[in-house]
Amino acid sequence: MAEGETQGRRRGGRAARQAERTAPLSEDLKPVRPGMPGGWFVPLSDADVKRIHAAVLELLERLGIADPIPSCAEAITAAGGELNAEGRLLFPHALVEDMVAKAARNITLHAQEPARDMALSGKNVHFGTAGAAVHMVDAETGEYRDSTLADLYDIARLVDRLDNIHFFQRPVTARDMTSGRALDINTLYACITGTTKHVGTSFVSPMNLEEGLRLLHIVCGGEDKWRARPFVSMSNCFIVPPLRFAEDACATLEAGVRGGMPILLLSAGQAGATSPAALAGAVVQQMAEVLAGIVYVNALKPGHPAIIGPWPFVSDLRSGAMSGGSGEQALLSAACAQMAHFYDLPGGMPAGMTDSKVPDAQSGYEKGYTDAIVGLAGANMVYESAGMHASLLGSCMESFVIDNDILGASMRTVRGIEVTDESLSVDVIRQVCTEGPGHFLGHGQTLSLMQREYFYPEVGDRTSPKEWKEIGSTNVVQKARDKVGEILSAHYPGHIGEATDRQLRDQFGIELPRANMQPGKGRW
């Protein structure tokens, strides 16, 4: 055989092996994937958890929640609650324990694409968006501008292609909408047309929610099909901290329960402002508020799918400004995740809320440790984990791509290290030391594990300084900008058919132009 033929065959064999090693893996073999179990980080001791639980029960029984709407008071008093002379709704220990026992567990949050469903059980972790920012941030200039409906749709279809962001709750507010009704309906439309992942949104009134449900029934092909697989959940701020019901939100919560929509029971006190500055006290108040929500929902409909959302935000006590990227924020969210496990309830907590105004070093380190810590605590859903800046005031396209890398690396830490007879590698070490070349680079174990065991960033740079210079000395923001352009110039989801889309536009006054939903028409 000629030398050239031998070299060609070797090159071909090497290319084939390289192609095999870099071929896409099935979901069960990927190094990181949605729903991997966490729980490695526990900031509270068992004794701490029990003391917090006792304090929560004391608050609910003796102080209760102020300003219940009549239907709320009726449902909870019928279940065993009490309305005191000051009009505060009290929750006896037995009532709380009974309703926690009745609450839904091991729930599935559905997606329009069933393969993207999320099982909220145990300490399974899912990262996603949220935030309702009012500005978009230009990563290059640092300029802030009002966010629009088109921005929301573009973010949805960007996130649709980012594997480590597992669900999509609206991260920006469409400031170009002129009424609450237009905002709610168009937000819902932009989210569900931009991604097939599970969607979270909110509604300012029961009427808007009921109209949104009619839209969803059309998309699903009937109310029965919607109720079988509700792929949109409602974020509901039913509490105004400290310990007061929010009238409009409570009425909307009740409409959501009637309509079969899963509910995030959200309470967002700010430590030192609307909740205690003491971190333990902030956890106590938030848990009391969301457990009141569990009682409320289960008094209306036992077993309705609900996620507790204790979101104890942090104030910089020197100025009173929110500090979403702080270490205290990570601790508080992790502690609330631990309390959710104590009650065996599905829980969602915030992380990734940098105080930095642009994607810079501060943004990276704040998002990195807050996302990782809350993921390691085993929060079922980690909200606001990508794309957000200025403590939720701004959102940045490039940051979603950068944060997708952060979340992948965070999920790799959540996965941990598997110790098996095979992974202990005693025979492999013996082979390399006594039979092989003295290194593991070409060993079969290395080649078989390089994709299954290791996570590789998409835009993070791991080249040598020489290689980095040769390829243009690009930074992570520039690479992320290229990735954003690549996705948004080509990815226009079409899972909602044209006939259904026309019906939605005709019936609900959709304001997102069709031109924004077709290749070549957007800003990219």
Protein backbone atom coordinates (compact mmCIF):
# COMPACT_ATOMS: atom_id res chain seq x y z
CA MET A 1 0.00 0.00 0.00
CA ALA A 2 1.40 3.42 -0.92
CA GLU A 3 2.46 5.77 1.87
CA GLY A 4 -0.06 8.41 0.79
CA GLU A 5 -2.89 5.89 0.96
CA THR A 6 -1.82 4.87 4.49
CA GLN A 7 -1.69 8.48 5.66
CA GLY A 8 -5.07 9.20 4.07
CA ARG A 9 -6.62 6.19 5.77
CA ARG A 10 -5.15 7.28 9.12
CA ARG A 11 -6.44 10.78 8.64
CA GLY A 12 -9.84 9.42 7.70
CA GLY A 13 -9.91 7.17 10.74
CA ARG A 14 -8.91 10.05 13.01
CA ALA A 15 -11.57 12.28 11.47
CA ALA A 16 -14.18 9.57 11.96
CA ARG A 17 -13.20 9.17 15.62
CA GLN A 18 -13.29 12.93 16.14
CA ALA A 19 -16.71 13.13 14.50
CA GLU A 20 -17.97 10.32 16.75
CA ARG A 21 -16.68 12.06 19.88
CA THR A 22 -18.23 15.41 18.94
CA ALA A 23 -21.59 14.07 17.72
CA PRO A 24 -24.60 15.30 19.71
CA LEU A 25 -25.36 13.13 22.72
CA SER A 26 -28.74 11.81 23.70
CA GLU A 27 -30.32 13.72 26.58
CA ASP A 28 -29.55 11.04 29.16
CA LEU A 29 -25.82 11.08 28.32
CA LYS A 30 -25.23 14.85 28.38
CA PRO A 31 -22.95 16.11 31.17
CA VAL A 32 -25.68 18.52 32.31
CA ARG A 33 -29.44 18.42 31.74
CA PRO A 34 -32.63 19.80 33.27
CA GLY A 35 -33.78 18.39 36.59
CA MET A 36 -30.49 17.10 37.95
CA PRO A 37 -30.73 16.68 41.76
CA GLY A 38 -28.98 19.17 44.03
CA GLY A 39 -29.14 19.66 47.76
CA TRP A 40 -25.40 19.52 48.49
CA PHE A 41 -25.41 22.99 50.11
CA VAL A 42 -27.41 23.33 53.33
CA PRO A 43 -26.92 26.69 55.07
CA LEU A 44 -29.27 25.73 57.92
CA SER A 45 -28.73 22.94 60.46
CA ASP A 46 -31.60 20.57 61.24
CA ALA A 47 -32.13 22.46 64.50
CA ASP A 48 -32.20 25.79 62.60
CA VAL A 49 -34.87 24.46 60.24
CA LYS A 50 -37.07 23.35 63.13
CA ARG A 51 -36.72 26.72 64.88
CA ILE A 52 -37.65 28.57 61.70
CA HIS A 53 -40.65 26.26 61.25
CA ALA A 54 -41.81 26.94 64.82
CA ALA A 55 -41.47 30.70 64.28
CA VAL A 56 -43.43 30.46 61.01
CA LEU A 57 -46.30 28.65 62.74
CA GLU A 58 -46.30 31.19 65.57
CA LEU A 59 -46.50 34.12 63.16
CA LEU A 60 -49.35 32.59 61.18
CA GLU A 61 -51.37 31.61 64.26
CA ARG A 62 -50.90 34.74 66.36
CA LEU A 63 -50.36 37.58 63.85
CA GLY A 64 -51.76 36.17 60.59
CA ILE A 65 -52.23 38.10 57.35
CA ALA A 66 -54.06 41.42 57.01
CA ASP A 67 -56.59 42.54 54.39
CA PRO A 68 -58.03 39.28 53.01
CA ILE A 69 -60.61 39.76 50.28
CA PRO A 70 -64.05 38.31 51.24
CA SER A 71 -63.71 35.18 49.11
CA CYS A 72 -60.26 34.48 50.59
CA ALA A 73 -61.54 34.91 54.16
CA GLU A 74 -64.55 32.72 53.42
CA ALA A 75 -62.47 29.87 51.96
CA ILE A 76 -59.86 29.88 54.72
CA THR A 77 -62.25 30.27 57.65
CA ALA A 78 -64.35 27.44 56.23
CA ALA A 79 -61.21 25.30 56.31
CA GLY A 80 -60.43 26.22 59.93
CA GLY A 81 -58.89 29.70 59.86
CA GLU A 82 -60.03 32.58 62.07
CA LEU A 83 -60.74 36.25 61.35
CA ASN A 84 -59.81 38.33 64.39
CA ALA A 85 -61.24 41.64 65.57
CA GLU A 86 -58.59 43.60 63.66
CA GLY A 87 -59.55 41.90 60.40
CA ARG A 88 -56.42 39.76 60.25
CA LEU A 89 -56.78 36.20 59.03
CA LEU A 90 -55.22 33.73 61.47
CA PHE A 91 -53.92 30.28 60.54
CA PRO A 92 -53.94 27.73 63.39
CA HIS A 93 -51.12 25.17 63.44
CA ALA A 94 -53.44 22.31 62.56
CA LEU A 95 -54.81 24.17 59.51
CA VAL A 96 -51.32 24.87 58.15
CA GLU A 97 -50.19 21.30 58.67
CA ASP A 98 -53.39 19.91 57.10
CA MET A 99 -53.12 22.09 53.99
CA VAL A 100 -49.41 21.41 53.54
CA ALA A 101 -50.27 17.71 53.65
CA LYS A 102 -52.93 18.21 50.94
CA ALA A 103 -50.68 20.30 48.69
CA ALA A 104 -49.57 19.03 45.29
CA ARG A 105 -46.18 17.34 45.17
CA ASN A 106 -44.09 15.90 42.37
CA ILE A 107 -45.85 18.15 39.90
CA THR A 108 -45.00 18.46 36.23
CA LEU A 109 -44.76 21.86 34.57
CA HIS A 110 -45.65 21.12 30.99
CA ALA A 111 -44.17 22.61 27.84
CA GLN A 112 -45.61 22.88 24.35
CA GLU A 113 -42.95 20.35 23.38
CA PRO A 114 -43.38 17.39 25.77
CA ALA A 115 -39.65 16.62 25.79
CA ARG A 116 -39.21 19.96 27.59
CA ASP A 117 -41.59 19.17 30.46
CA MET A 118 -40.10 19.74 33.92
CA ALA A 119 -40.67 17.35 36.84
CA LEU A 120 -40.62 19.32 40.10
CA SER A 121 -39.84 16.66 42.65
CA GLY A 122 -37.32 16.22 45.42
CA LYS A 123 -34.31 18.47 44.87
CA ASN A 124 -34.36 18.47 41.06
CA VAL A 125 -32.99 21.76 39.74
CA HIS A 126 -34.17 23.85 36.77
CA PHE A 127 -32.81 27.26 35.79
CA GLY A 128 -34.93 29.86 34.03
CA THR A 129 -35.63 33.51 33.37
CA ALA A 130 -37.88 36.09 35.06
CA GLY A 131 -37.64 39.68 36.19
CA ALA A 132 -39.97 42.08 34.34
CA ALA A 133 -37.16 44.55 33.62
CA VAL A 134 -38.20 47.89 32.13
CA HIS A 135 -35.01 48.46 30.13
CA MET A 136 -32.84 46.76 27.52
CA VAL A 137 -29.09 47.18 27.89
CA ASP A 138 -26.69 47.66 24.98
CA ALA A 139 -23.70 45.48 25.92
CA GLU A 140 -21.24 47.61 23.94
CA THR A 141 -22.32 51.16 24.82
CA GLY A 142 -23.95 50.58 28.21
CA GLU A 143 -26.98 52.58 27.06
CA TYR A 144 -30.36 51.76 28.55
CA ARG A 145 -33.64 52.10 26.61
CA ASP A 146 -37.25 51.08 27.23
CA SER A 147 -37.98 47.40 26.59
CA THR A 148 -40.62 46.52 23.99
CA LEU A 149 -42.86 43.67 22.91
CA ALA A 150 -40.45 42.90 20.05
CA ASP A 151 -37.63 42.59 22.60
CA LEU A 152 -39.67 40.10 24.61
CA TYR A 153 -40.37 37.97 21.55
CA ASP A 154 -36.69 38.08 20.51
CA ILE A 155 -35.57 37.01 24.00
CA ALA A 156 -38.07 34.13 23.95
CA ARG A 157 -36.75 32.74 20.68
CA LEU A 158 -33.15 33.28 21.83
CA VAL A 159 -33.80 31.35 25.05
CA ASP A 160 -35.55 28.67 23.00
CA ARG A 161 -32.09 27.76 21.63
CA LEU A 162 -30.11 27.99 24.90
CA ASP A 163 -29.99 24.51 26.44
CA ASN A 164 -29.11 25.47 30.00
CA ILE A 165 -32.07 27.83 30.42
CA HIS A 166 -34.87 25.37 31.08
CA PHE A 167 -37.97 27.56 31.29
CA PHE A 168 -39.03 31.03 30.19
CA GLN A 169 -40.73 33.49 32.48
CA ARG A 170 -41.08 36.93 30.96
CA PRO A 171 -37.84 38.82 31.75
CA VAL A 172 -38.89 42.23 30.41
CA THR A 173 -41.98 44.42 30.44
CA ALA A 174 -43.26 45.59 27.06
CA ARG A 175 -43.22 49.35 27.68
CA ASP A 176 -44.83 50.05 24.30
CA MET A 177 -48.15 48.54 25.42
CA THR A 178 -50.73 51.20 26.30
CA SER A 179 -52.98 49.33 28.74
CA GLY A 180 -52.80 46.55 31.30
CA ARG A 181 -54.97 44.37 29.09
CA ALA A 182 -52.74 44.88 26.04
CA LEU A 183 -49.66 44.21 28.17
CA ASP A 184 -50.96 40.93 29.59
CA ILE A 185 -52.37 39.44 26.38
CA ASN A 186 -49.48 40.48 24.16
CA THR A 187 -46.91 39.32 26.71
CA LEU A 188 -48.57 35.91 26.80
CA TYR A 189 -48.63 35.74 23.00
CA ALA A 190 -44.98 36.79 22.56
CA CYS A 191 -43.82 34.21 25.10
CA ILE A 192 -45.73 31.20 23.81
CA THR A 193 -44.92 31.91 20.15
CA GLY A 194 -41.22 32.52 20.86
CA THR A 195 -40.46 29.28 22.71
CA THR A 196 -41.81 25.77 23.27
CA LYS A 197 -40.35 25.70 26.80
CA HIS A 198 -42.62 26.12 29.81
CA VAL A 199 -43.72 29.75 30.07
CA GLY A 200 -44.39 31.85 33.15
CA THR A 201 -46.17 35.21 33.08
CA SER A 202 -48.48 37.35 35.20
CA PHE A 203 -51.79 39.14 34.89
CA VAL A 204 -52.94 42.41 36.43
CA SER A 205 -56.60 41.37 36.77
CA PRO A 206 -58.88 38.30 36.71
CA MET A 207 -60.49 39.56 33.48
CA ASN A 208 -57.13 39.61 31.70
CA LEU A 209 -56.34 36.14 32.99
CA GLU A 210 -59.67 34.77 31.78
CA GLU A 211 -59.07 36.28 28.34
CA GLY A 212 -55.58 34.76 28.35
CA LEU A 213 -57.09 31.38 29.16
CA ARG A 214 -59.40 31.66 26.16
CA LEU A 215 -56.35 32.34 24.00
CA LEU A 216 -54.61 29.28 25.44
CA HIS A 217 -57.65 27.10 24.83
CA ILE A 218 -57.47 28.00 21.13
CA VAL A 219 -53.76 27.21 20.97
CA CYS A 220 -54.30 23.85 22.69
CA GLY A 221 -57.34 22.92 20.63
CA GLY A 222 -59.82 23.07 23.50
CA GLU A 223 -60.15 23.73 27.23
CA ASP A 224 -59.90 20.03 28.06
CA LYS A 225 -56.53 19.79 26.30
CA TRP A 226 -55.29 22.89 28.12
CA ARG A 227 -56.29 21.45 31.49
CA ALA A 228 -54.55 18.17 30.66
CA ARG A 229 -51.25 19.92 29.85
CA PRO A 230 -51.17 23.54 31.08
CA PHE A 231 -47.90 24.87 29.66
CA VAL A 232 -48.17 28.37 31.16
CA SER A 233 -47.91 29.15 34.87
CA MET A 234 -48.88 32.37 36.62
CA SER A 235 -46.51 34.34 38.83
CA ASN A 236 -48.81 35.80 41.47
CA CYS A 237 -47.74 38.39 44.07
CA PHE A 238 -50.69 37.67 46.38
CA ILE A 239 -48.81 39.13 49.36
CA VAL A 240 -47.64 42.68 50.02
CA PRO A 241 -44.86 42.24 52.60
CA PRO A 242 -45.02 42.38 55.51
CA LEU A 243 -47.97 40.00 55.97
CA ARG A 244 -50.75 41.69 54.00
CA PHE A 245 -52.86 40.29 51.18
CA ALA A 246 -52.87 42.09 47.81
CA GLU A 247 -56.51 42.53 46.71
CA ASP A 248 -56.23 42.41 42.91
CA ALA A 249 -53.62 39.64 42.96
CA CYS A 250 -55.77 37.48 45.24
CA ALA A 251 -58.74 37.77 42.89
CA THR A 252 -56.46 36.81 40.00
CA LEU A 253 -55.07 33.87 41.99
CA GLU A 254 -58.58 32.54 42.48
CA ALA A 255 -59.29 32.87 38.75
CA GLY A 256 -56.09 30.97 38.02
CA VAL A 257 -57.11 28.11 40.29
CA ARG A 258 -60.53 27.94 38.59
CA GLY A 259 -58.84 27.97 35.19
CA GLY A 260 -56.41 25.16 35.89
CA MET A 261 -53.26 27.31 35.71
CA PRO A 262 -50.27 26.36 37.90
CA ILE A 263 -49.39 29.18 40.29
CA LEU A 264 -46.12 30.54 41.64
CA LEU A 265 -47.05 31.88 45.10
CA LEU A 266 -44.67 34.79 45.14
CA SER A 267 -43.68 36.86 48.15
CA ALA A 268 -40.78 39.26 47.70
CA GLY A 269 -39.86 41.05 50.89
CA GLN A 270 -36.71 43.17 50.93
CA ALA A 271 -34.53 42.58 53.98
CA GLY A 272 -34.19 45.74 56.03
CA ALA A 273 -37.14 47.39 54.25
CA THR A 274 -40.23 45.17 53.97
CA SER A 275 -38.81 42.21 55.87
CA PRO A 276 -36.38 41.96 58.81
CA ALA A 277 -32.72 42.82 58.33
CA ALA A 278 -31.85 39.68 60.29
CA LEU A 279 -31.42 36.96 57.67
CA ALA A 280 -33.18 34.32 59.77
CA GLY A 281 -36.09 36.71 60.32
CA ALA A 282 -36.34 37.38 56.58
CA VAL A 283 -36.61 33.63 55.96
CA VAL A 284 -39.28 33.28 58.67
CA GLN A 285 -41.44 36.03 57.20
CA GLN A 286 -41.15 34.80 53.61
CA MET A 287 -41.96 31.23 54.56
CA ALA A 288 -44.96 32.34 56.64
CA GLU A 289 -46.28 34.35 53.69
CA VAL A 290 -45.92 31.57 51.10
CA LEU A 291 -47.36 28.92 53.45
CA ALA A 292 -50.39 31.19 53.85
CA GLY A 293 -50.61 30.95 50.06
CA ILE A 294 -50.50 27.14 50.21
CA VAL A 295 -53.39 27.21 52.69
CA TYR A 296 -55.28 29.63 50.42
CA VAL A 297 -54.85 27.59 47.22
CA ASN A 298 -55.69 24.27 48.86
CA ALA A 299 -58.73 25.72 50.62
CA LEU A 300 -59.98 26.65 47.16
CA LYS A 301 -58.98 23.39 45.44
CA PRO A 302 -57.00 20.69 47.26
CA GLY A 303 -53.99 19.54 45.29
CA HIS A 304 -53.98 22.37 42.76
CA PRO A 305 -50.44 22.70 41.32
CA ALA A 306 -48.67 25.49 43.18
CA ILE A 307 -45.01 26.40 43.66
CA ILE A 308 -43.95 28.28 46.77
CA GLY A 309 -41.92 31.34 45.82
CA PRO A 310 -40.21 32.83 48.87
CA TRP A 311 -38.05 35.53 47.29
CA PRO A 312 -36.30 37.32 50.17
CA PHE A 313 -34.52 40.16 48.42
CA VAL A 314 -31.64 42.07 49.98
CA SER A 315 -31.14 45.78 50.60
CA ASP A 316 -27.78 47.48 50.69
CA LEU A 317 -28.42 48.97 54.12
CA ARG A 318 -26.12 51.92 53.41
CA SER A 319 -28.48 53.21 50.71
CA GLY A 320 -31.63 51.09 50.78
CA ALA A 321 -31.04 50.00 47.17
CA MET A 322 -31.70 46.41 46.21
CA SER A 323 -28.60 44.21 46.07
CA GLY A 324 -29.51 41.18 43.97
CA GLY A 325 -25.93 40.05 43.41
CA SER A 326 -24.93 39.87 47.06
CA GLY A 327 -23.72 36.88 49.02
CA GLU A 328 -26.59 37.44 51.44
CA GLN A 329 -29.03 37.06 48.55
CA ALA A 330 -27.51 33.70 47.66
CA LEU A 331 -27.70 32.54 51.29
CA LEU A 332 -31.32 33.62 51.71
CA SER A 333 -32.47 31.90 48.52
CA ALA A 334 -30.57 28.75 49.45
CA ALA A 335 -32.12 28.75 52.94
CA CYS A 336 -35.60 29.09 51.43
CA ALA A 337 -34.85 26.17 49.11
CA GLN A 338 -33.90 24.13 52.17
CA MET A 339 -37.18 25.08 53.88
CA ALA A 340 -39.13 24.02 50.78
CA HIS A 341 -37.47 20.61 51.07
CA PHE A 342 -38.45 20.48 54.77
CA TYR A 343 -42.10 20.93 53.79
CA ASP A 344 -41.65 18.70 50.71
CA LEU A 345 -43.17 21.41 48.53
CA PRO A 346 -42.14 22.48 45.01
CA GLY A 347 -40.13 25.67 45.39
CA GLY A 348 -38.76 28.44 43.20
CA MET A 349 -36.16 30.99 44.34
CA PRO A 350 -34.25 33.84 42.69
CA ALA A 351 -30.55 33.96 41.74
CA GLY A 352 -28.35 35.50 39.07
CA MET A 353 -29.55 39.07 39.70
CA THR A 354 -26.34 41.02 39.30
CA ASP A 355 -26.12 44.61 40.47
CA SER A 356 -23.79 45.37 37.57
CA LYS A 357 -25.27 47.47 34.78
CA VAL A 358 -23.51 45.65 31.91
CA PRO A 359 -22.00 42.19 31.26
CA ASP A 360 -18.63 42.74 32.94
CA ALA A 361 -16.45 41.07 35.59
CA GLN A 362 -18.83 42.05 38.40
CA SER A 363 -21.73 40.56 36.47
CA GLY A 364 -19.82 37.32 35.98
CA TYR A 365 -18.78 36.78 39.56
CA GLU A 366 -22.14 37.77 41.07
CA LYS A 367 -24.12 35.58 38.71
CA GLY A 368 -21.63 32.74 39.04
CA TYR A 369 -21.78 32.32 42.78
CA THR A 370 -25.47 33.10 43.26
CA ASP A 371 -26.61 30.70 40.51
CA ALA A 372 -24.28 27.95 41.71
CA ILE A 373 -25.16 28.28 45.39
CA VAL A 374 -28.92 28.24 44.84
CA GLY A 375 -28.59 25.36 42.38
CA LEU A 376 -26.46 23.43 44.86
CA ALA A 377 -29.16 24.03 47.48
CA GLY A 378 -31.55 22.07 45.25
CA ALA A 379 -34.13 24.74 44.37
CA ASN A 380 -36.60 23.14 41.97
CA MET A 381 -36.80 26.35 39.95
CA VAL A 382 -34.19 29.10 39.93
CA TYR A 383 -35.82 32.25 38.59
CA GLU A 384 -34.11 35.35 37.16
CA SER A 385 -30.96 33.29 36.63
CA ALA A 386 -30.05 34.70 33.21
CA GLY A 387 -29.96 37.95 31.30
CA MET A 388 -30.66 40.43 34.08
CA HIS A 389 -28.74 43.53 35.20
CA ALA A 390 -29.00 46.44 37.63
CA SER A 391 -30.88 44.30 40.18
CA LEU A 392 -33.61 43.45 37.64
CA LEU A 393 -34.02 46.90 36.09
CA GLY A 394 -32.26 45.93 32.85
CA SER A 395 -31.96 42.96 30.51
CA CYS A 396 -29.26 42.25 27.94
CA MET A 397 -29.37 39.94 24.92
CA GLU A 398 -25.70 39.02 25.11
CA SER A 399 -26.02 38.20 28.79
CA PHE A 400 -28.53 35.42 28.12
CA VAL A 401 -25.86 33.70 26.00
CA ILE A 402 -23.06 34.33 28.52
CA ASP A 403 -25.26 33.23 31.41
CA ASN A 404 -26.16 30.05 29.52
CA ASP A 405 -22.49 29.11 29.99
CA ILE A 406 -22.64 30.07 33.69
CA LEU A 407 -25.73 27.91 34.18
CA GLY A 408 -24.17 24.94 32.40
CA ALA A 409 -21.13 25.12 34.66
CA SER A 410 -23.40 25.57 37.69
CA MET A 411 -25.39 22.49 36.73
CA ARG A 412 -22.14 20.54 36.44
CA THR A 413 -21.43 21.35 40.09
CA VAL A 414 -25.00 20.35 40.96
CA ARG A 415 -24.42 16.98 39.30
CA GLY A 416 -21.45 16.30 41.56
CA ILE A 417 -19.02 13.39 41.25
CA GLU A 418 -20.24 9.85 40.66
CA VAL A 419 -18.15 7.28 42.50
CA THR A 420 -18.42 3.77 41.03
CA ASP A 421 -16.06 0.83 40.56
CA GLU A 422 -15.52 2.04 37.01
CA SER A 423 -15.02 5.73 37.83
CA LEU A 424 -12.48 4.93 40.57
CA SER A 425 -10.27 3.99 37.60
CA VAL A 426 -7.86 1.64 39.39
CA ASP A 427 -7.41 -0.60 36.32
CA VAL A 428 -7.09 2.41 34.02
CA ILE A 429 -4.34 3.91 36.18
CA ARG A 430 -2.55 0.54 36.26
CA GLN A 431 -2.75 0.21 32.47
CA VAL A 432 -1.36 3.68 31.83
CA CYS A 433 1.45 3.25 34.34
CA THR A 434 2.56 -0.24 33.30
CA GLU A 435 1.44 -0.73 29.69
CA GLY A 436 0.70 2.62 28.18
CA PRO A 437 2.48 5.83 27.25
CA GLY A 438 2.42 7.29 30.78
CA HIS A 439 -0.51 9.64 30.13
CA PHE A 440 -4.27 9.36 29.74
CA LEU A 441 -4.80 11.52 26.64
CA GLY A 442 -5.53 8.73 24.21
CA HIS A 443 -6.98 6.22 26.61
CA GLY A 444 -10.40 4.79 25.80
CA GLN A 445 -11.83 6.01 29.09
CA THR A 446 -10.75 9.59 28.36
CA LEU A 447 -12.26 9.51 24.89
CA SER A 448 -15.52 8.00 26.10
CA LEU A 449 -15.92 10.53 28.91
CA MET A 450 -14.82 13.75 27.23
CA GLN A 451 -18.40 14.66 26.33
CA ARG A 452 -20.39 12.77 28.95
CA GLU A 453 -18.40 13.90 32.00
CA TYR A 454 -17.26 17.40 31.07
CA PHE A 455 -19.15 20.61 30.32
CA TYR A 456 -17.72 22.94 27.65
CA PRO A 457 -18.69 26.64 27.41
CA GLU A 458 -20.01 28.00 24.14
CA VAL A 459 -18.66 31.54 24.39
CA GLY A 460 -16.21 31.24 27.26
CA ASP A 461 -12.62 31.23 25.98
CA ARG A 462 -10.15 28.44 26.84
CA THR A 463 -7.50 29.04 24.18
CA SER A 464 -3.86 29.85 24.92
CA PRO A 465 -2.82 33.52 24.70
CA LYS A 466 -1.12 32.78 21.36
CA GLU A 467 -4.21 31.11 19.90
CA TRP A 468 -6.47 33.82 21.32
CA LYS A 469 -4.44 36.51 19.57
CA GLU A 470 -4.44 34.59 16.30
CA ILE A 471 -8.24 34.35 16.26
CA GLY A 472 -8.74 38.06 16.85
CA SER A 473 -8.41 38.60 20.63
CA THR A 474 -12.18 38.51 21.03
CA ASN A 475 -13.84 38.86 24.41
CA VAL A 476 -16.87 37.02 25.73
CA VAL A 477 -19.30 39.87 24.96
CA GLN A 478 -18.21 39.98 21.32
CA LYS A 479 -18.60 36.21 21.00
CA ALA A 480 -22.00 36.37 22.67
CA ARG A 481 -23.10 39.13 20.30
CA ASP A 482 -22.18 36.92 17.35
CA LYS A 483 -24.16 34.05 18.88
CA VAL A 484 -27.20 36.27 19.43
CA GLY A 485 -27.07 37.38 15.81
CA GLU A 486 -26.69 33.81 14.59
CA ILE A 487 -29.78 32.63 16.48
CA LEU A 488 -32.04 35.62 15.94
CA SER A 489 -31.33 35.85 12.22
CA ALA A 490 -32.48 32.28 11.63
CA HIS A 491 -34.60 30.90 14.48
CA TYR A 492 -38.27 31.74 14.05
CA PRO A 493 -40.31 29.05 15.84
CA GLY A 494 -43.34 27.85 13.91
CA HIS A 495 -44.97 25.52 16.41
CA ILE A 496 -48.18 27.57 16.40
CA GLY A 497 -49.63 27.15 12.92
CA GLU A 498 -50.48 30.02 10.61
CA ALA A 499 -54.25 29.46 10.79
CA THR A 500 -54.20 29.46 14.59
CA ASP A 501 -52.00 32.54 14.60
CA ARG A 502 -54.44 34.39 12.34
CA GLN A 503 -57.28 33.48 14.69
CA LEU A 504 -55.34 34.79 17.71
CA ARG A 505 -54.52 38.02 15.91
CA ASP A 506 -58.09 38.57 14.78
CA GLN A 507 -59.67 37.76 18.13
CA PHE A 508 -57.22 39.23 20.65
CA GLY A 509 -55.71 42.30 18.99
CA ILE A 510 -52.11 41.07 18.89
CA GLU A 511 -49.71 43.97 18.39
CA LEU A 512 -46.50 42.12 17.49
CA PRO A 513 -46.16 42.66 13.70
CA ARG A 514 -45.93 39.54 11.57
CA ALA A 515 -42.81 41.11 10.05
CA ASN A 516 -41.01 40.60 13.37
CA MET A 517 -41.72 36.87 13.14
CA GLN A 518 -40.15 36.22 9.74
CA PRO A 519 -36.49 35.85 8.66
CA GLY A 520 -34.79 38.96 7.44
CA LYS A 521 -37.22 41.38 9.07
CA GLY A 522 -35.75 41.83 12.55
CA ARG A 523 -32.85 43.98 13.72
CA TRP A 524 -30.46 41.06 13.27
